[in-house]
């Protein structure tokens, strides 16, 4: 399960801006996921969460 920090939809360029809102999944996806392995220590995970300012996980 990937953990990410959601920062909202990507900006729409002038060419893509239409009268109808056409949202795609890629507008909201994060491409730089931070993942953890089951054998990683809690201390390592906490250090990474703090370093990348992650305060919540994605829910499925």
N, C-alpha and C. Protein backbone atom coordinates (compact mmCIF):
# COMPACT_ATOMS: atom_id res chain seq x y z
N UNK A 1 0.85 -1.17 0.00
CA UNK A 1 0.00 0.00 0.00
C UNK A 1 0.89 1.23 0.00
N UNK A 2 0.68 2.11 -0.93
CA UNK A 2 1.47 3.33 -1.00
C UNK A 2 0.92 4.41 -0.10
N UNK A 3 1.78 5.20 0.43
CA UNK A 3 1.38 6.34 1.25
C UNK A 3 1.80 7.58 0.51
N UNK A 4 0.90 8.54 0.45
CA UNK A 4 1.21 9.75 -0.28
C UNK A 4 0.63 10.96 0.44
N UNK A 5 1.06 12.10 0.02
CA UNK A 5 0.53 13.35 0.53
C UNK A 5 -0.25 13.99 -0.61
N UNK A 6 -1.56 14.05 -0.50
CA UNK A 6 -2.40 14.57 -1.57
C UNK A 6 -2.27 16.08 -1.64
N UNK A 7 -1.98 16.58 -2.82
CA UNK A 7 -1.81 18.01 -3.00
C UNK A 7 -2.82 18.59 -3.98
N UNK A 8 -3.85 17.84 -4.33
CA UNK A 8 -4.90 18.34 -5.20
C UNK A 8 -4.65 18.04 -6.67
N UNK A 9 -5.59 18.45 -7.48
CA UNK A 9 -5.51 18.20 -8.92
C UNK A 9 -4.40 19.03 -9.54
N UNK A 10 -3.79 18.50 -10.60
CA UNK A 10 -2.77 19.24 -11.32
C UNK A 10 -3.42 20.39 -12.07
N UNK A 11 -2.66 21.42 -12.30
CA UNK A 11 -3.19 22.60 -12.99
C UNK A 11 -3.54 22.25 -14.44
N UNK A 12 -4.65 22.81 -14.90
CA UNK A 12 -5.11 22.59 -16.27
C UNK A 12 -4.50 23.65 -17.16
N UNK A 13 -3.92 23.25 -18.28
CA UNK A 13 -3.35 24.22 -19.20
C UNK A 13 -4.46 24.91 -19.99
N UNK A 14 -4.12 26.01 -20.61
CA UNK A 14 -5.11 26.77 -21.38
C UNK A 14 -5.76 25.92 -22.46
N UNK A 15 -4.98 25.05 -23.09
CA UNK A 15 -5.50 24.23 -24.17
C UNK A 15 -6.53 23.22 -23.66
N UNK A 16 -6.35 22.71 -22.45
CA UNK A 16 -7.26 21.72 -21.89
C UNK A 16 -8.49 22.34 -21.26
N UNK A 17 -8.48 23.63 -21.00
CA UNK A 17 -9.57 24.30 -20.33
C UNK A 17 -10.77 24.42 -21.28
N UNK A 18 -11.84 23.67 -20.99
CA UNK A 18 -13.05 23.71 -21.81
C UNK A 18 -14.24 24.06 -20.93
N UNK A 19 -15.39 24.23 -21.54
CA UNK A 19 -16.57 24.57 -20.77
C UNK A 19 -17.05 23.38 -19.95
N UNK A 20 -16.71 22.18 -20.37
CA UNK A 20 -17.12 20.98 -19.64
C UNK A 20 -15.93 20.45 -18.86
N UNK A 21 -16.14 20.10 -17.59
CA UNK A 21 -15.05 19.59 -16.76
C UNK A 21 -14.80 18.13 -17.10
N UNK A 22 -13.65 17.85 -17.67
CA UNK A 22 -13.25 16.49 -18.01
C UNK A 22 -12.08 16.09 -17.12
N UNK A 23 -12.38 15.51 -15.99
CA UNK A 23 -11.34 15.10 -15.07
C UNK A 23 -10.92 13.67 -15.38
N UNK A 24 -9.65 13.43 -15.26
CA UNK A 24 -9.10 12.09 -15.45
C UNK A 24 -8.39 11.68 -14.17
N UNK A 25 -8.23 10.40 -13.99
CA UNK A 25 -7.58 9.88 -12.79
C UNK A 25 -6.17 10.45 -12.67
N UNK A 26 -5.47 10.61 -13.78
CA UNK A 26 -4.09 11.10 -13.73
C UNK A 26 -4.01 12.53 -13.20
N UNK A 27 -5.12 13.27 -13.22
CA UNK A 27 -5.14 14.62 -12.66
C UNK A 27 -4.97 14.60 -11.14
N UNK A 28 -5.30 13.49 -10.51
CA UNK A 28 -5.26 13.40 -9.06
C UNK A 28 -4.23 12.42 -8.53
N UNK A 29 -3.62 11.65 -9.41
CA UNK A 29 -2.67 10.63 -8.99
C UNK A 29 -1.32 11.24 -8.63
N UNK A 30 -0.66 10.62 -7.69
CA UNK A 30 0.71 10.98 -7.36
C UNK A 30 1.63 9.99 -8.04
N UNK A 31 2.69 10.49 -8.65
CA UNK A 31 3.60 9.60 -9.35
C UNK A 31 4.81 9.22 -8.48
N UNK A 32 5.07 9.98 -7.45
CA UNK A 32 6.20 9.71 -6.56
C UNK A 32 5.68 9.10 -5.27
N UNK A 33 5.37 7.82 -5.29
CA UNK A 33 4.83 7.16 -4.11
C UNK A 33 5.95 6.79 -3.15
N UNK A 34 5.62 6.82 -1.89
CA UNK A 34 6.54 6.37 -0.85
C UNK A 34 5.90 5.13 -0.24
N UNK A 35 6.59 4.02 -0.34
CA UNK A 35 6.04 2.76 0.14
C UNK A 35 6.94 2.20 1.23
N UNK A 36 6.35 1.31 2.02
CA UNK A 36 7.07 0.66 3.12
C UNK A 36 6.95 -0.84 2.99
N UNK A 37 7.95 -1.51 3.47
CA UNK A 37 7.95 -2.97 3.46
C UNK A 37 7.59 -3.48 4.86
N UNK A 38 7.06 -4.69 4.92
CA UNK A 38 6.63 -5.26 6.19
C UNK A 38 7.78 -5.43 7.18
N UNK A 39 8.98 -5.62 6.69
CA UNK A 39 10.11 -5.84 7.59
C UNK A 39 10.85 -4.55 7.96
N UNK A 40 10.35 -3.40 7.53
CA UNK A 40 10.96 -2.11 7.89
C UNK A 40 10.64 -1.77 9.33
N UNK A 41 11.60 -1.15 10.02
CA UNK A 41 11.36 -0.81 11.42
C UNK A 41 10.43 0.40 11.51
N UNK A 42 9.73 0.48 12.62
CA UNK A 42 8.81 1.60 12.86
C UNK A 42 9.59 2.91 12.88
N UNK A 43 10.79 2.89 13.44
CA UNK A 43 11.61 4.10 13.50
C UNK A 43 11.95 4.61 12.09
N UNK A 44 12.28 3.70 11.18
CA UNK A 44 12.56 4.09 9.79
C UNK A 44 11.33 4.71 9.15
N UNK A 45 10.19 4.10 9.35
CA UNK A 45 8.94 4.61 8.77
C UNK A 45 8.63 6.00 9.32
N UNK A 46 8.76 6.18 10.61
CA UNK A 46 8.48 7.49 11.22
C UNK A 46 9.43 8.55 10.68
N UNK A 47 10.70 8.21 10.54
CA UNK A 47 11.67 9.16 9.98
C UNK A 47 11.28 9.58 8.57
N UNK A 48 10.85 8.63 7.74
CA UNK A 48 10.44 8.94 6.37
C UNK A 48 9.17 9.79 6.36
N UNK A 49 8.21 9.45 7.21
CA UNK A 49 6.97 10.24 7.28
C UNK A 49 7.27 11.69 7.66
N UNK A 50 8.16 11.88 8.61
CA UNK A 50 8.52 13.24 9.03
C UNK A 50 9.28 13.96 7.92
N UNK A 51 10.23 13.27 7.29
CA UNK A 51 11.05 13.89 6.24
C UNK A 51 10.21 14.39 5.08
N UNK A 52 9.19 13.63 4.70
CA UNK A 52 8.35 14.01 3.56
C UNK A 52 7.05 14.70 3.98
N UNK A 53 6.94 15.02 5.26
CA UNK A 53 5.77 15.75 5.80
C UNK A 53 4.46 15.04 5.47
N UNK A 54 4.43 13.75 5.68
CA UNK A 54 3.22 12.96 5.44
C UNK A 54 2.47 12.84 6.75
N UNK A 55 1.22 13.25 6.75
CA UNK A 55 0.46 13.24 7.99
C UNK A 55 -0.71 12.28 7.96
N UNK A 56 -1.00 11.69 6.79
CA UNK A 56 -2.10 10.72 6.71
C UNK A 56 -1.82 9.78 5.55
N UNK A 57 -2.52 8.67 5.56
CA UNK A 57 -2.33 7.68 4.49
C UNK A 57 -3.54 7.68 3.59
N UNK A 58 -3.35 7.16 2.39
CA UNK A 58 -4.48 7.04 1.47
C UNK A 58 -5.38 5.91 1.96
N UNK A 59 -6.66 6.06 1.78
CA UNK A 59 -7.59 5.02 2.21
C UNK A 59 -8.14 4.30 1.00
N UNK A 60 -8.34 3.03 1.14
CA UNK A 60 -8.86 2.22 0.03
C UNK A 60 -10.24 1.71 0.35
